[in-house]
Amino acid sequence: MSDVGIKYNSLDYWKAEIRLGVRYRQIYGRSAEWRGYKNMYRGFWNTQIVPVNITYAIGRSLIPQVYFRNPKIAVNPRKPGYAMHARVLERVDNYLIKETGLKEELKSSILDCYFCGRGPVVLGYDSEYGYNPAFKVEDYTDLTLSQYSVKGDKIEYSDNVKPGFPWAMRTSPLDFVVPWGTSRWQDGRWFAIRKMRMLRDLKEDPKYRIGDEVKGVYKSRLDSSVEGKPEGSAHGYEEDSSNEWVELFEIHDKRAQSVMVLSMDCDTWLRKPEFDHLQVEGLNAEVLGFNEDPDYFWWTPDVRLIKVQQEELNDIRTMAKKHRRVALLKLLYDKGMMGKDALSKLLDGDPKAAVEIDAGVNGDVRKAVALFQSHVPPDLYEAAREVREDIREIIGFSRNQMGSFEDSSGRRTATEASIVKAAAMIRIDERRDIMADFLEKIIRKENQLIFHRSKLKMAILL
C-alpha cells in the first residue's frame, strides 16, 4: 500500500506505515511460522507421531549458557574525581536490575531469538502505557500517578513497572513493528508496539482522551497472509467474552521525537502525537539477535534451521515404533492340529512342561505351530544418530553441552578434550558477548531516563 499523498503525521499515514511494517515482518521474518515453532517447543504434536523434542532440549540448554545468572553492572568514571559518584550509580543500577525483574526479561528475549530471530525489549519510565510529566506528583517531580484512575483504582497491573522507576520489558516479536525495509535497528526511523488493553482501563487512563467511538470486542484488521487469521489471535483476547479489549499501537517516531497511540479499528487518535520524553540516545527500545542478517531486520531463528531435522528425527522414531510392533513374536498354528484350549495353555503366563495337542494322522508336531518374527532395521538408529549430529553442528552444541556424555568408546587425552571444548565455546562466547552488550545498552538508557527525570546530573559518568 502506498502512502504517497498522505500527509505526514496524519492518522491514515501511520495506519499505512503499520500495515507495511507488519507485511515486512510476514514476508522477510516469515512470522506465520513462529507459532508452529513454539508449538513444537510446547510439545503439541500429532498423536500419530512419536516425538523426540530436540527443539525443547536445545532451547532449555541455550538459555543457561547465554544469560547471566546474577547480572552485575560495573561503572567506571571517565574523568578523575568521580569515583564515589560511579560507586553510587553502580549500586543504583544493580538495585534496578533486581527491582525491575530485568533478569527474567532477558531470559525471555533469548527464547524469542530462538523462535523468532529477534528479541525486542522496550524501555519506559513510571508508567507502562506512556510517561507524561503533566501528571507528576507535586512533592515528587520524578514520578506520576498515571497508573491510577481518578478514583484511585489501579489500571496498570505489571509489578515490574513502578512509579518513578525506569523499566525494561520484553515484547513479543509478533507485537513489534519496524518500518518496511529496515535493515539495522540503529537506522530505524520509528517502531510501534502492539498492546491489548481492557476498554474500561483505557477510558479511565488520564493520559488518553477517548469517546464512545472506541469499541471493545477485539477483531484485528491486520490479516495474516498465510493462515487468514489475525496474528494476535494466539493471545486469546478475542475469546475473552467477560471483558472488552482494544488493540492499541503505540508509535515512537524518531523524526519528530514524538509518541502517539492509535487503533486500526478507530478513525480518531487515542493519543495524539506529542513530545516523547522516553527518547534518549535514540528510540526507547533495544533488540537482541544472534544470527545476523545484514540485509533485513528480521534475522533467522535457530528453530527454523533445525526444523527439517526435528521432523526427520520424529519420522525415524515413529518408523521404529511401527517396526517394533511388527517385530513382536507371533505364532502360526494349524487349527486342525491345535485346538483353542491347547493354544490358550500355550500363551498364558503359567510355565508348563507339556501341552497336549492333536497331531493328526501324520503325527508331525512341527507342522502344528510355526514362529513368525520380524526385526527392527538397525539403519534407523544410525540415521537418528546422523540427524542428531546435524542438529549439533547447526546449533554449535556438543553432546556434553546438552547435558550428556560423548558417545565414544575411544579414550580422549586432556589436550584433545580442551581443544574440543575451546572450539565448542567459540559460538557460545559470541552469544554471551552479544548479551553483555545488550544489557549494557539497556542500563545506559535507563540511567539516561533517570537523569532526565530527576535532579541528578551524573551523565558524565556514562
Protein backbone atom coordinates (compact mmCIF):
# COMPACT_ATOMS: atom_id res chain seq x y z
CA MET A 1 0.00 0.00 0.00
CA SER A 2 1.47 3.37 -0.99
CA ASP A 3 1.24 6.33 1.35
CA VAL A 4 2.18 8.86 -1.34
CA GLY A 5 -0.08 11.89 -0.99
CA ILE A 6 -0.98 11.15 2.62
CA LYS A 7 0.08 13.93 4.97
CA TYR A 8 2.90 13.01 7.33
CA ASN A 9 1.80 12.54 10.93
CA SER A 10 -1.80 12.03 9.92
CA LEU A 11 -3.76 9.05 11.19
CA ASP A 12 -4.04 7.50 7.72
CA TYR A 13 -0.29 7.85 7.17
CA TRP A 14 0.59 5.90 10.31
CA LYS A 15 -2.01 3.22 9.67
CA ALA A 16 -0.46 2.66 6.24
CA GLU A 17 3.04 2.57 7.77
CA ILE A 18 2.00 -0.03 10.33
CA ARG A 19 0.41 -2.24 7.65
CA LEU A 20 3.63 -2.09 5.65
CA GLY A 21 5.66 -2.90 8.75
CA VAL A 22 3.50 -5.93 9.55
CA ARG A 23 3.81 -7.09 5.94
CA TYR A 24 7.59 -6.67 6.14
CA ARG A 25 7.62 -8.97 9.18
CA GLN A 26 5.39 -11.54 7.49
CA ILE A 27 7.40 -11.71 4.24
CA TYR A 28 11.01 -11.48 5.43
CA GLY A 29 10.56 -12.64 9.01
CA ARG A 30 8.09 -15.39 8.00
CA SER A 31 6.19 -14.68 11.18
CA ALA A 32 3.36 -17.06 10.28
CA GLU A 33 5.76 -19.94 11.07
CA TRP A 34 6.65 -18.73 14.56
CA ARG A 35 3.57 -20.20 16.17
CA GLY A 36 4.46 -23.62 14.78
CA TYR A 37 7.97 -23.37 16.24
CA LYS A 38 6.57 -22.55 19.66
CA ASN A 39 4.08 -25.40 19.46
CA MET A 40 6.96 -27.82 18.85
CA TYR A 41 8.66 -26.45 21.97
CA ARG A 42 5.41 -26.83 23.92
CA GLY A 43 5.07 -30.46 22.83
CA PHE A 44 1.96 -30.01 20.66
CA TRP A 45 2.46 -32.93 18.29
CA ASN A 46 0.16 -35.08 16.21
CA THR A 47 -0.97 -38.10 18.22
CA GLN A 48 0.34 -40.41 15.47
CA ILE A 49 3.90 -39.10 15.89
CA VAL A 50 6.47 -40.32 18.38
CA PRO A 51 8.34 -37.03 19.04
CA VAL A 52 11.93 -36.57 20.10
CA ASN A 53 11.59 -32.97 21.23
CA ILE A 54 15.07 -31.76 20.37
CA THR A 55 13.59 -28.26 19.91
CA TYR A 56 12.77 -28.09 23.61
CA ALA A 57 16.06 -29.69 24.66
CA ILE A 58 18.21 -27.19 22.76
CA GLY A 59 16.10 -24.22 23.84
CA ARG A 60 16.44 -25.11 27.51
CA SER A 61 20.17 -25.78 27.09
CA LEU A 62 20.74 -22.48 25.27
CA ILE A 63 19.32 -20.16 27.92
CA PRO A 64 21.53 -21.09 30.92
CA GLN A 65 24.65 -20.98 28.73
CA VAL A 66 23.93 -17.48 27.41
CA TYR A 67 22.14 -15.42 30.06
CA PHE A 68 23.71 -14.13 33.27
CA ARG A 69 22.67 -15.94 36.43
CA ASN A 70 23.42 -12.91 38.58
CA PRO A 71 23.96 -9.92 36.28
CA LYS A 72 26.07 -7.17 37.77
CA ILE A 73 26.99 -3.75 36.46
CA ALA A 74 30.39 -2.11 36.95
CA VAL A 75 30.54 1.66 36.45
CA ASN A 76 33.88 3.33 35.71
CA PRO A 77 34.16 7.14 35.67
CA ARG A 78 35.59 8.79 32.59
CA LYS A 79 37.11 11.69 34.49
CA PRO A 80 39.18 11.81 37.69
CA GLY A 81 37.36 12.75 40.86
CA TYR A 82 34.13 10.93 40.10
CA ALA A 83 34.98 7.59 41.70
CA MET A 84 32.43 7.99 44.50
CA HIS A 85 29.73 9.03 42.02
CA ALA A 86 30.48 5.91 39.98
CA ARG A 87 30.08 3.70 43.04
CA VAL A 88 26.71 5.25 43.84
CA LEU A 89 25.50 4.81 40.29
CA GLU A 90 26.73 1.21 40.27
CA ARG A 91 24.71 0.44 43.40
CA VAL A 92 21.64 2.07 41.84
CA ASP A 93 21.97 0.06 38.61
CA ASN A 94 22.37 -3.26 40.40
CA TYR A 95 19.38 -2.43 42.58
CA LEU A 96 17.28 -1.66 39.49
CA ILE A 97 18.20 -4.99 37.88
CA LYS A 98 16.60 -6.87 40.77
CA GLU A 99 13.78 -4.44 41.46
CA THR A 100 12.52 -4.34 37.85
CA GLY A 101 12.95 -8.08 37.12
CA LEU A 102 15.37 -7.44 34.26
CA LYS A 103 16.93 -10.90 34.54
CA GLU A 104 13.65 -12.64 33.66
CA GLU A 105 13.06 -10.25 30.75
CA LEU A 106 16.49 -11.08 29.31
CA LYS A 107 15.80 -14.81 29.55
CA SER A 108 12.54 -14.36 27.67
CA SER A 109 14.33 -12.34 25.00
CA ILE A 110 16.79 -15.18 24.44
CA LEU A 111 13.88 -17.53 23.90
CA ASP A 112 12.31 -15.03 21.47
CA CYS A 113 15.55 -15.05 19.46
CA TYR A 114 15.45 -18.84 19.43
CA PHE A 115 11.92 -18.90 17.97
CA CYS A 116 11.70 -15.64 16.01
CA GLY A 117 15.28 -14.49 15.39
CA ARG A 118 14.74 -11.25 17.32
CA GLY A 119 14.11 -10.39 20.97
CA PRO A 120 12.81 -6.83 21.47
CA VAL A 121 12.96 -5.13 24.85
CA VAL A 122 11.05 -1.86 25.25
CA LEU A 123 12.13 0.71 27.83
CA GLY A 124 9.93 3.11 29.70
CA TYR A 125 9.55 5.18 32.82
CA ASP A 126 6.96 5.44 35.55
CA SER A 127 4.03 4.04 33.54
CA GLU A 128 3.62 1.05 31.21
CA TYR A 129 1.31 2.92 28.83
CA GLY A 130 3.32 6.10 28.41
CA TYR A 131 5.08 8.60 30.63
CA ASN A 132 3.62 12.10 30.79
CA PRO A 133 5.13 14.62 33.24
CA ALA A 134 1.90 16.62 33.19
CA PHE A 135 0.55 14.16 35.78
CA LYS A 136 3.53 14.38 38.14
CA VAL A 137 3.11 14.49 41.90
CA GLU A 138 3.72 17.95 43.31
CA ASP A 139 6.12 16.85 46.05
CA TYR A 140 7.90 14.23 43.89
CA THR A 141 8.89 15.59 40.50
CA ASP A 142 10.25 12.27 39.24
CA LEU A 143 7.01 10.24 39.46
CA THR A 144 3.39 10.47 38.40
CA LEU A 145 0.13 8.84 39.41
CA SER A 146 -0.91 7.89 35.88
CA GLN A 147 -1.02 4.23 36.90
CA TYR A 148 -4.21 5.06 38.79
CA SER A 149 -7.60 6.31 37.71
CA VAL A 150 -9.20 9.48 39.04
CA LYS A 151 -10.98 7.32 41.63
CA GLY A 152 -7.67 5.83 42.77
CA ASP A 153 -8.16 2.41 41.17
CA LYS A 154 -5.11 0.58 39.81
CA ILE A 155 -5.35 0.48 35.98
CA GLU A 156 -1.87 -0.92 35.23
CA TYR A 157 -1.00 -4.36 36.50
CA SER A 158 2.68 -5.11 35.84
CA ASP A 159 4.61 -5.49 39.09
CA ASN A 160 7.87 -4.57 37.34
CA VAL A 161 6.60 -1.07 36.47
CA LYS A 162 6.72 1.23 39.47
CA PRO A 163 6.04 4.99 39.70
CA GLY A 164 9.24 6.98 39.43
CA PHE A 165 11.29 3.98 38.22
CA PRO A 166 12.64 3.13 34.78
CA TRP A 167 11.67 -0.27 33.39
CA ALA A 168 12.62 -2.64 30.58
CA MET A 169 10.12 -5.26 29.44
CA ARG A 170 10.31 -8.00 26.87
CA THR A 171 7.89 -7.53 23.99
CA SER A 172 6.71 -10.37 21.76
CA PRO A 173 8.17 -10.11 18.23
CA LEU A 174 4.59 -10.55 17.00
CA ASP A 175 3.75 -7.26 18.72
CA PHE A 176 6.81 -5.37 17.48
CA VAL A 177 6.68 -3.41 14.20
CA VAL A 178 9.51 -1.60 12.40
CA PRO A 179 9.37 0.36 9.12
CA TRP A 180 9.41 -1.53 5.83
CA GLY A 181 12.96 -2.08 4.62
CA THR A 182 14.71 -1.53 7.95
CA SER A 183 18.00 -3.44 7.96
CA ARG A 184 19.72 -2.31 11.16
CA TRP A 185 18.00 -1.37 14.38
CA GLN A 186 20.21 1.69 14.76
CA ASP A 187 18.84 3.06 11.47
CA GLY A 188 15.16 2.56 12.31
CA ARG A 189 13.01 5.67 11.84
CA TRP A 190 10.32 4.53 14.26
CA PHE A 191 8.90 1.48 15.97
CA ALA A 192 5.45 0.50 17.15
CA ILE A 193 4.32 -1.80 19.95
CA ARG A 194 1.04 -3.64 19.70
CA LYS A 195 -0.72 -3.75 23.06
CA MET A 196 -4.03 -5.16 24.23
CA ARG A 197 -5.86 -3.27 26.92
CA MET A 198 -9.26 -3.54 28.54
CA LEU A 199 -11.61 -0.81 27.37
CA ARG A 200 -12.62 0.24 30.87
CA ASP A 201 -8.96 0.78 31.89
CA LEU A 202 -8.31 2.74 28.70
CA LYS A 203 -11.22 5.09 29.37
CA GLU A 204 -10.06 5.68 32.96
CA ASP A 205 -6.44 6.39 31.98
CA PRO A 206 -5.84 10.17 32.36
CA LYS A 207 -3.25 10.13 29.54
CA TYR A 208 -5.94 9.22 26.99
CA ARG A 209 -8.98 11.16 25.84
CA ILE A 210 -11.36 8.80 24.09
CA GLY A 211 -15.06 8.81 23.41
CA ASP A 212 -17.78 6.34 22.59
CA GLU A 213 -16.36 5.74 19.10
CA VAL A 214 -13.80 3.34 20.61
CA LYS A 215 -15.32 -0.11 20.91
CA GLY A 216 -14.18 -3.32 22.54
CA VAL A 217 -14.63 -6.93 21.36
CA TYR A 218 -11.32 -7.13 19.59
CA LYS A 219 -11.09 -8.23 15.95
CA SER A 220 -7.85 -7.33 14.22
CA ARG A 221 -7.83 -5.85 10.73
CA LEU A 222 -4.22 -6.94 10.25
CA ASP A 223 -4.88 -10.18 8.41
CA SER A 224 -2.20 -12.86 8.20
CA SER A 225 -1.42 -13.57 4.55
CA VAL A 226 -0.82 -17.26 5.22
CA GLU A 227 -3.43 -18.54 7.64
CA GLY A 228 -6.14 -15.96 7.08
CA LYS A 229 -6.31 -15.29 10.80
CA PRO A 230 -5.15 -12.27 12.78
CA GLU A 231 -1.66 -12.70 14.11
CA GLY A 232 -2.79 -11.60 17.54
CA SER A 233 -5.29 -14.45 17.82
CA ALA A 234 -2.66 -16.53 19.60
CA HIS A 235 -3.01 -14.23 22.60
CA GLY A 236 -6.64 -15.24 23.07
CA TYR A 237 -8.09 -11.79 23.80
CA GLU A 238 -10.89 -12.26 21.29
CA GLU A 239 -12.06 -15.29 23.29
CA ASP A 240 -12.49 -13.27 26.49
CA SER A 241 -16.22 -12.56 26.46
CA SER A 242 -16.22 -11.20 30.01
CA ASN A 243 -14.12 -8.13 29.09
CA GLU A 244 -13.88 -5.72 26.18
CA TRP A 245 -10.41 -5.44 24.70
CA VAL A 246 -8.92 -2.74 22.49
CA GLU A 247 -5.95 -3.26 20.17
CA LEU A 248 -3.50 -0.36 20.52
CA PHE A 249 -0.41 0.59 18.54
CA GLU A 250 1.97 2.82 20.47
CA ILE A 251 4.29 4.51 17.96
CA HIS A 252 7.61 6.17 18.82
CA ASP A 253 8.81 8.36 15.95
CA LYS A 254 12.48 9.38 15.83
CA ARG A 255 11.96 12.05 13.17
CA ALA A 256 9.66 14.27 15.22
CA GLN A 257 10.68 12.75 18.59
CA SER A 258 7.02 12.11 19.21
CA VAL A 259 4.82 9.38 20.64
CA MET A 260 1.26 8.61 19.57
CA VAL A 261 -1.33 5.86 20.04
CA LEU A 262 -3.88 4.63 17.53
CA SER A 263 -6.16 1.68 16.90
CA MET A 264 -6.68 0.15 13.48
CA ASP A 265 -10.38 -0.15 14.39
CA CYS A 266 -10.86 3.54 15.20
CA ASP A 267 -10.85 6.64 12.98
CA THR A 268 -9.56 9.01 15.66
CA TRP A 269 -6.35 9.23 17.65
CA LEU A 270 -6.38 7.53 21.04
CA ARG A 271 -3.39 9.65 21.99
CA LYS A 272 -2.45 12.47 19.64
CA PRO A 273 1.22 12.98 18.66
CA GLU A 274 3.10 14.66 21.48
CA PHE A 275 6.70 15.06 22.62
CA ASP A 276 8.29 11.73 23.54
CA HIS A 277 10.13 12.07 26.86
CA LEU A 278 11.44 8.48 26.59
CA GLN A 279 13.66 9.03 23.55
CA VAL A 280 17.14 9.49 24.97
CA GLU A 281 20.10 8.43 22.83
CA GLY A 282 17.71 7.09 20.22
CA LEU A 283 14.48 5.15 20.41
CA ASN A 284 13.42 3.70 23.74
CA ALA A 285 13.96 0.06 22.81
CA GLU A 286 16.77 -2.41 22.21
CA VAL A 287 16.60 -5.56 20.08
CA LEU A 288 18.54 -8.76 20.72
CA GLY A 289 19.64 -11.08 17.94
CA PHE A 290 22.24 -13.81 17.41
CA ASN A 291 22.07 -14.93 13.76
CA GLU A 292 22.83 -11.71 11.93
CA ASP A 293 21.32 -10.93 8.54
CA PRO A 294 22.89 -7.75 7.15
CA ASP A 295 20.04 -7.15 4.67
CA TYR A 296 16.92 -7.46 6.83
CA PHE A 297 15.91 -6.52 10.34
CA TRP A 298 14.20 -9.86 10.93
CA TRP A 299 17.01 -12.38 11.47
CA THR A 300 16.96 -16.16 11.15
CA PRO A 301 15.75 -18.06 14.24
CA ASP A 302 17.60 -21.19 15.36
CA VAL A 303 14.45 -23.33 15.25
CA ARG A 304 13.99 -22.66 11.54
CA LEU A 305 17.45 -24.08 10.88
CA ILE A 306 16.71 -27.37 12.67
CA LYS A 307 13.01 -27.78 11.82
CA VAL A 308 13.66 -30.27 8.99
CA GLN A 309 15.97 -32.32 11.22
CA GLN A 310 13.37 -32.26 14.00
CA GLU A 311 10.73 -33.65 11.65
CA GLU A 312 13.18 -36.24 10.31
CA LEU A 313 14.05 -37.41 13.81
CA ASN A 314 10.36 -37.72 14.67
CA ASP A 315 9.78 -39.72 11.47
CA ILE A 316 12.63 -42.11 12.29
CA ARG A 317 11.35 -42.69 15.81
CA THR A 318 7.80 -43.21 14.53
CA MET A 319 9.01 -45.76 11.97
CA ALA A 320 10.98 -47.56 14.67
CA LYS A 321 7.83 -47.78 16.77
CA LYS A 322 5.94 -49.42 13.90
CA HIS A 323 8.78 -51.87 13.25
CA ARG A 324 8.90 -52.84 16.92
CA ARG A 325 5.20 -53.63 16.82
CA VAL A 326 5.65 -55.76 13.72
CA ALA A 327 8.64 -57.47 15.35
CA LEU A 328 6.59 -58.87 18.22
CA LEU A 329 6.65 -62.67 18.45
CA LYS A 330 3.75 -64.21 16.53
CA LEU A 331 2.52 -67.80 16.25
CA LEU A 332 1.15 -69.51 13.14
CA TYR A 333 -0.79 -72.66 14.08
CA ASP A 334 -2.92 -75.23 12.29
CA LYS A 335 -6.38 -75.03 13.76
CA GLY A 336 -6.91 -78.68 12.76
CA MET A 337 -3.95 -79.84 14.84
CA MET A 338 -4.19 -77.41 17.78
CA GLY A 339 -7.44 -76.58 19.47
CA LYS A 340 -8.28 -73.35 21.25
CA ASP A 341 -7.80 -74.90 24.66
CA ALA A 342 -4.28 -76.01 23.82
CA LEU A 343 -3.44 -72.58 22.35
CA SER A 344 -4.69 -70.83 25.48
CA LYS A 345 -2.49 -73.01 27.65
CA LEU A 346 0.48 -72.23 25.43
CA LEU A 347 0.00 -68.43 25.65
CA ASP A 348 -0.94 -67.94 29.29
CA GLY A 349 1.60 -66.83 31.88
CA ASP A 350 1.84 -70.18 33.66
CA PRO A 351 5.06 -72.04 32.68
CA LYS A 352 4.28 -75.60 31.59
CA ALA A 353 6.47 -78.52 30.78
CA ALA A 354 3.96 -80.02 28.32
CA VAL A 355 0.87 -79.01 26.37
CA GLU A 356 -1.35 -81.66 24.84
CA ILE A 357 -2.21 -81.24 21.14
CA ASP A 358 -3.74 -83.45 18.45
CA ALA A 359 -1.04 -84.02 15.82
CA GLY A 360 -3.45 -85.74 13.46
CA VAL A 361 -2.82 -88.78 11.29
CA ASN A 362 0.72 -87.89 10.21
CA GLY A 363 1.84 -87.20 13.74
CA ASP A 364 4.14 -84.29 12.65
CA VAL A 365 4.18 -81.90 15.65
CA ARG A 366 6.40 -79.39 13.80
CA LYS A 367 3.52 -78.61 11.44
CA ALA A 368 1.22 -77.66 14.31
CA VAL A 369 2.97 -74.41 15.32
CA ALA A 370 5.38 -72.09 13.49
CA LEU A 371 7.06 -68.93 14.76
CA PHE A 372 6.94 -65.67 12.80
CA GLN A 373 9.13 -62.77 13.93
CA SER A 374 10.42 -59.68 12.10
CA HIS A 375 13.25 -57.34 13.18
CA VAL A 376 13.88 -53.63 13.62
CA PRO A 377 16.22 -52.33 10.88
CA PRO A 378 19.46 -51.25 12.57
CA ASP A 379 19.87 -48.47 9.97
CA LEU A 380 17.16 -46.48 11.74
CA TYR A 381 19.35 -45.97 14.79
CA GLU A 382 22.29 -44.94 12.65
CA ALA A 383 20.11 -42.48 10.75
CA ALA A 384 18.85 -40.97 14.02
CA ARG A 385 22.44 -40.54 15.19
CA GLU A 386 23.35 -38.72 11.98
CA VAL A 387 20.37 -36.38 12.31
CA ARG A 388 21.37 -35.53 15.87
CA GLU A 389 24.90 -34.76 14.71
CA ASP A 390 23.50 -32.47 12.01
CA ILE A 391 21.50 -30.59 14.63
CA ARG A 392 24.51 -30.16 16.91
CA GLU A 393 26.61 -28.91 14.00
CA ILE A 394 23.97 -26.34 13.02
CA ILE A 395 23.43 -25.01 16.54
CA GLY A 396 27.04 -25.40 17.66
CA PHE A 397 26.31 -27.58 20.70
CA SER A 398 28.26 -30.67 21.64
CA ARG A 399 26.69 -33.65 23.39
CA ASN A 400 28.32 -32.54 26.65
CA GLN A 401 26.75 -29.09 26.38
CA MET A 402 23.38 -30.77 26.03
CA GLY A 403 23.96 -32.44 29.40
CA SER A 404 25.09 -35.95 28.40
CA PHE A 405 28.34 -37.84 27.83
CA GLU A 406 30.02 -38.22 24.47
CA ASP A 407 29.05 -41.45 22.74
CA SER A 408 32.52 -42.75 22.07
CA SER A 409 34.34 -45.86 23.12
CA GLY A 410 37.76 -44.38 22.41
CA ARG A 411 39.87 -42.64 25.01
CA ARG A 412 40.46 -38.89 24.92
CA THR A 413 43.51 -37.09 26.22
CA ALA A 414 43.28 -33.89 28.24
CA THR A 415 44.70 -31.90 25.32
CA GLU A 416 42.10 -33.26 22.90
CA ALA A 417 39.32 -32.54 25.37
CA SER A 418 40.48 -28.94 25.86
CA ILE A 419 40.69 -28.35 22.08
CA VAL A 420 37.16 -29.68 21.56
CA LYS A 421 35.85 -27.60 24.47
CA ALA A 422 37.52 -24.42 23.18
CA ALA A 423 36.09 -24.91 19.69
CA ALA A 424 32.60 -25.57 21.04
CA MET A 425 32.67 -22.49 23.27
CA ILE A 426 33.51 -20.05 20.46
CA ARG A 427 29.89 -19.64 19.35
CA ILE A 428 28.57 -19.65 22.91
CA ASP A 429 31.09 -16.97 23.90
CA GLU A 430 29.96 -14.87 20.94
CA ARG A 431 26.35 -15.03 22.16
CA ARG A 432 27.42 -14.17 25.70
CA ASP A 433 29.27 -11.15 24.39
CA ILE A 434 26.14 -10.06 22.50
CA MET A 435 24.12 -10.46 25.70
CA ALA A 436 26.65 -8.36 27.64
CA ASP A 437 26.42 -5.56 25.07
CA PHE A 438 22.63 -5.84 25.11
CA LEU A 439 22.49 -5.48 28.91
CA GLU A 440 24.91 -2.56 28.80
CA LYS A 441 22.74 -0.67 26.28
CA ILE A 442 19.61 -1.22 28.36
CA ILE A 443 21.25 0.01 31.58
CA ARG A 444 22.75 3.00 29.78
CA LYS A 445 19.35 4.13 28.53
CA GLU A 446 17.74 3.50 31.92
CA ASN A 447 20.36 5.73 33.52
CA GLN A 448 19.65 8.46 31.00
CA LEU A 449 15.94 8.21 31.76
CA ILE A 450 16.72 8.68 35.46
CA PHE A 451 18.97 11.68 34.80
CA HIS A 452 16.42 13.37 32.58
CA ARG A 453 13.60 12.89 35.09
CA SER A 454 15.43 13.64 38.35
CA LYS A 455 17.76 16.31 39.64
CA LEU A 456 20.82 14.06 39.33
CA LYS A 457 23.41 15.37 36.89
CA MET A 458 25.76 12.41 36.52
CA ALA A 459 25.63 11.79 32.77
CA ILE A 460 29.36 12.47 32.60
CA LEU A 461 29.88 9.01 34.11
CA LEU A 462 28.33 7.32 31.08
